[in-house]
Protein backbone atom coordinates (compact mmCIF):
# COMPACT_ATOMS: atom_id res chain seq x y z
CA MET A 1 -143.17 142.80 44.89
CA LYS A 2 -145.53 144.75 47.13
CA ALA A 3 -145.98 148.36 46.02
CA LEU A 4 -148.26 151.40 45.94
CA ALA A 5 -148.68 153.86 43.03
CA ILE A 6 -150.42 157.24 42.89
CA ASP A 7 -151.22 159.61 40.05
CA SER A 8 -152.67 162.83 41.45
CA SER A 9 -151.29 165.14 38.77
CA ILE A 10 -154.67 165.65 37.09
CA THR A 11 -158.20 165.96 38.46
CA GLN A 12 -158.64 162.20 38.05
CA LEU A 13 -156.98 160.51 41.03
CA THR A 14 -155.61 157.00 40.42
CA ILE A 15 -154.36 154.75 43.23
CA SER A 16 -153.03 151.22 42.68
CA ALA A 17 -151.57 148.56 44.95
CA LYS A 18 -149.57 145.57 43.76
CA ASN A 19 -149.22 142.38 45.78
CA GLU A 20 -146.89 140.22 43.71
CA ASP A 21 -148.99 139.33 40.62
CA HIS A 22 -152.23 140.68 42.10
CA GLN A 23 -153.15 144.33 41.48
CA VAL A 24 -156.00 146.46 42.79
CA SER A 25 -156.75 149.94 41.45
CA ALA A 26 -159.30 152.68 42.03
CA ILE A 27 -159.98 155.74 39.90
CA TYR A 28 -161.70 158.77 41.38
CA ASN A 29 -163.05 161.44 39.04
CA ILE A 30 -163.42 163.93 41.86
CA GLY A 31 -162.08 167.22 40.56
CA MET A 32 -160.42 169.21 43.33
CA LYS A 33 -161.54 166.95 46.23
CA GLN A 34 -158.35 164.91 46.41
CA SER A 35 -157.44 166.13 49.90
CA GLU A 36 -160.45 164.43 51.49
CA THR A 37 -160.16 161.28 49.38
CA LEU A 38 -156.48 160.37 49.15
CA LEU A 39 -155.67 158.90 52.58
CA PRO A 40 -158.89 156.86 52.96
CA ALA A 41 -158.42 155.62 49.38
CA ILE A 42 -154.86 154.48 50.11
CA SER A 43 -156.06 152.52 53.16
CA TYR A 44 -158.89 150.99 51.14
CA ILE A 45 -156.65 149.92 48.25
CA LEU A 46 -153.99 148.43 50.53
CA GLU A 47 -156.67 146.47 52.40
CA LYS A 48 -158.18 145.15 49.16
CA ALA A 49 -154.71 144.08 47.98
CA GLY A 50 -154.00 142.35 51.30
CA ILE A 51 -151.00 144.53 52.12
CA ASN A 52 -150.00 146.25 55.35
CA ALA A 53 -148.29 149.60 54.85
CA ASN A 54 -145.11 148.35 56.54
CA GLU A 55 -144.88 145.51 53.98
CA LEU A 56 -144.50 147.85 50.99
CA GLU A 57 -141.18 147.39 49.19
CA TYR A 58 -141.49 150.66 47.28
CA THR A 59 -143.98 153.34 46.33
CA THR A 60 -144.15 155.36 43.13
CA LEU A 61 -145.98 158.43 41.87
CA CYS A 62 -146.31 160.84 38.98
CA GLU A 63 -143.95 163.56 40.20
CA GLY A 64 -145.31 166.32 37.97
CA PRO A 65 -146.02 168.54 36.32
CA GLY A 66 -149.69 168.82 37.12
CA SER A 67 -152.05 169.94 39.85
CA PHE A 68 -150.19 171.87 42.57
CA THR A 69 -152.44 170.55 45.33
CA GLY A 70 -152.66 166.99 43.99
CA LEU A 71 -148.91 166.61 43.62
CA ARG A 72 -148.23 167.96 47.11
CA LEU A 73 -150.76 165.58 48.63
CA ALA A 74 -149.28 162.50 46.96
CA TYR A 75 -145.74 163.50 47.91
CA ALA A 76 -146.78 164.07 51.53
CA ALA A 77 -148.56 160.71 51.74
CA LEU A 78 -145.71 158.66 50.28
CA LYS A 79 -143.02 160.52 52.19
CA ALA A 80 -144.95 159.78 55.39
CA LEU A 81 -144.76 156.07 54.52
CA GLN A 82 -141.06 156.52 53.78
CA LEU A 83 -140.49 158.18 57.16
CA ALA A 84 -142.52 155.58 59.05
CA ASN A 85 -141.27 152.45 57.33
CA GLY A 86 -138.23 153.36 55.25
CA THR A 87 -140.14 152.64 52.02
CA PRO A 88 -138.34 154.20 49.00
CA VAL A 89 -140.35 156.49 46.72
CA TYR A 90 -139.75 156.55 42.96
CA GLY A 91 -140.88 159.56 40.96
CA VAL A 92 -141.89 159.42 37.29
CA GLN A 93 -142.41 162.44 35.05
CA THR A 94 -146.13 162.77 34.40
CA THR A 95 -145.93 163.11 30.63
CA TYR A 96 -143.49 160.19 30.41
CA ALA A 97 -145.87 157.98 32.41
CA TYR A 98 -148.67 158.73 29.94
CA ALA A 99 -146.43 158.13 26.90
CA HIS A 100 -144.75 154.96 28.17
CA PRO A 101 -147.33 152.39 26.94
CA TYR A 102 -146.81 153.55 23.34
CA LEU A 103 -143.04 153.91 23.10
CA ASP A 104 -142.59 150.59 21.28
CA LEU A 105 -144.78 151.78 18.41
CA PRO A 106 -143.07 153.13 15.24
CA PHE A 107 -144.15 156.74 15.77
CA GLU A 108 -142.96 159.86 17.47
CA VAL A 109 -145.10 159.92 20.63
CA LEU A 110 -146.38 163.22 22.02
CA SER A 111 -147.80 163.32 25.56
CA VAL A 112 -149.83 166.37 26.62
CA VAL A 113 -151.60 167.69 29.72
CA ASP A 114 -153.60 170.91 29.70
CA ALA A 115 -151.65 173.54 31.67
CA LYS A 116 -154.37 176.19 31.23
CA LYS A 117 -153.75 179.72 29.94
CA ASP A 118 -153.40 178.36 26.37
CA ARG A 119 -150.40 176.21 27.32
CA PHE A 120 -149.66 172.50 27.69
CA TYR A 121 -147.27 170.40 29.72
CA ALA A 122 -145.75 168.21 27.03
CA SER A 123 -142.91 165.93 26.03
CA SER A 124 -142.27 163.76 22.99
CA TYR A 125 -140.35 160.54 22.36
CA LYS A 126 -138.86 159.04 19.21
CA ASN A 127 -137.28 155.58 19.17
CA LYS A 128 -137.75 155.53 22.98
CA ASN A 129 -135.56 158.63 23.35
CA GLN A 130 -136.91 161.99 24.47
CA SER A 131 -137.13 164.28 21.45
CA LEU A 132 -138.92 167.19 23.16
CA PRO A 133 -137.99 167.74 26.82
CA GLN A 134 -140.85 167.85 29.29
CA GLY A 135 -141.85 171.49 29.60
CA ASP A 136 -144.57 174.12 29.85
CA TYR A 137 -145.21 175.12 26.24
CA GLU A 138 -147.42 177.10 23.94
CA VAL A 139 -148.96 174.92 21.23
CA LYS A 140 -146.74 176.49 18.57
CA GLU A 141 -143.61 175.66 20.56
CA VAL A 142 -144.65 172.01 20.84
CA LEU A 143 -145.32 171.74 17.11
CA GLN A 144 -141.96 173.31 16.29
CA GLY A 145 -140.22 170.77 18.53
CA LEU A 146 -141.73 167.70 16.88
CA LYS A 147 -139.48 165.80 14.46
CA ASP A 148 -142.04 163.90 12.37
CA ASP A 149 -145.14 164.83 10.38
CA VAL A 150 -147.15 161.88 11.71
CA ILE A 151 -147.49 161.98 15.50
CA LEU A 152 -149.08 159.58 17.95
CA ILE A 153 -150.62 161.81 20.60
CA CYS A 154 -151.62 160.66 24.08
CA GLY A 155 -152.48 162.01 27.50
CA PRO A 156 -155.73 163.21 29.05
CA ASP A 157 -155.88 166.37 26.93
CA ALA A 158 -154.80 165.06 23.54
CA GLN A 159 -158.03 166.04 21.82
CA LEU A 160 -157.89 169.56 23.24
CA PHE A 161 -154.35 169.93 21.91
CA ILE A 162 -155.43 168.80 18.44
CA GLU A 163 -158.25 171.36 18.46
CA GLU A 164 -155.76 174.08 19.33
CA THR A 165 -153.43 173.07 16.50
CA LYS A 166 -156.23 173.65 13.99
CA LYS A 167 -155.92 177.38 14.68
CA LEU A 168 -152.30 177.34 13.44
CA ASN A 169 -150.73 176.73 10.05
CA PHE A 170 -148.87 173.53 10.89
CA HIS A 171 -149.22 170.36 8.85
CA LYS A 172 -149.08 167.50 11.31
CA GLN A 173 -151.14 164.32 11.21
CA PHE A 174 -152.18 163.08 14.63
CA ILE A 175 -152.99 159.50 15.56
CA THR A 176 -155.01 159.50 18.75
CA VAL A 177 -155.15 156.74 21.34
CA PRO A 178 -157.43 156.38 24.37
CA PHE A 179 -156.11 157.85 27.59
CA VAL A 180 -154.76 155.01 29.77
CA GLN A 181 -156.82 155.67 32.87
CA ASN A 182 -155.13 153.08 35.08
CA VAL A 183 -151.66 154.57 35.06
CA GLY A 184 -150.72 152.48 38.10
CA THR A 185 -149.61 149.53 35.97
CA THR A 186 -147.31 151.84 34.02
CA LEU A 187 -145.87 153.39 37.18
CA PHE A 188 -145.08 149.94 38.61
CA SER A 189 -143.33 148.95 35.38
CA ILE A 190 -141.22 152.11 35.23
CA ALA A 191 -140.35 152.04 38.94
CA GLU A 192 -139.24 148.40 38.86
CA LYS A 193 -137.02 149.14 35.88
CA MET A 194 -135.51 152.01 37.91
CA ILE A 195 -134.91 149.60 40.80
CA GLU A 196 -133.35 147.06 38.43
CA ASP A 197 -131.07 149.78 37.02
CA LYS A 198 -130.19 150.85 40.59
CA LYS A 199 -131.50 154.38 40.08
CA GLU A 200 -131.91 156.53 43.16
CA PRO A 201 -135.36 156.99 44.72
CA ILE A 202 -136.64 160.43 45.64
CA LYS A 203 -134.48 162.11 48.28
CA ASP A 204 -135.82 163.70 51.46
CA PHE A 205 -135.51 167.21 50.05
CA ASP A 206 -137.01 166.43 46.65
CA GLY A 207 -140.44 167.76 45.78
CA PRO A 208 -142.92 167.80 42.91
CA ILE A 209 -142.00 169.07 39.45
CA TYR A 210 -144.20 172.10 38.89
CA LEU A 211 -142.54 173.84 35.89
CA ARG A 212 -144.61 176.92 36.70
CA ALA A 213 -144.94 179.16 39.73
CA SER A 214 -148.27 178.98 41.57
CA GLU A 215 -150.62 181.96 41.47
CA ALA A 216 -149.72 182.67 45.11
CA GLU A 217 -146.00 182.69 44.26
CA ILE A 218 -146.60 184.99 41.29
CA LYS A 219 -148.59 187.44 43.45
CA HIS A 220 -145.92 187.32 46.18
CA ASN A 221 -143.16 188.15 43.68
CA LEU A 222 -145.16 191.06 42.36
């Protein structure tokens, strides 16, 4: 299949294109400069993969939670392709995408992303089933939601989470794994399983999963 995948939920931007068995990916550690990088990067990756945008059979992205700006940019880009070419877009929860490569291992898997303000976006999985729903949690809330004493922890901010747990009186043993930087391969795998299972792509009115109001929204409500 011919497909495009984007993870813009963290400051590291990952873009991947798949042309049957051939895959091309680029990772940009660019902080908050995603707006000036995303569209040229998509064109570059599609060209390197030998794909025209109108040939894409589907696109997929981390749908959130994560960076407000990054998520909006990825949604806008892929929905533009959907509008122009009818290409379906498949959304994958960010923390699930990061946990997915480890779900066959015999551990409860915890996936974490720093949500700032002493909180984490997190979810956990046991025997491939979600044991802690994806949410915006304090560290204590995450620890209370874990089923096992030995936890495999993943995600870009796993080490930060472990450091925060040391301040609390919880007895959990963490097994750390390297952050899978090229999440594109995982997104393709999840999306094609969704297609196989005939799950619905993102609808026109769907948007990113934020889990938390933006600072502008908070100020407006005040």
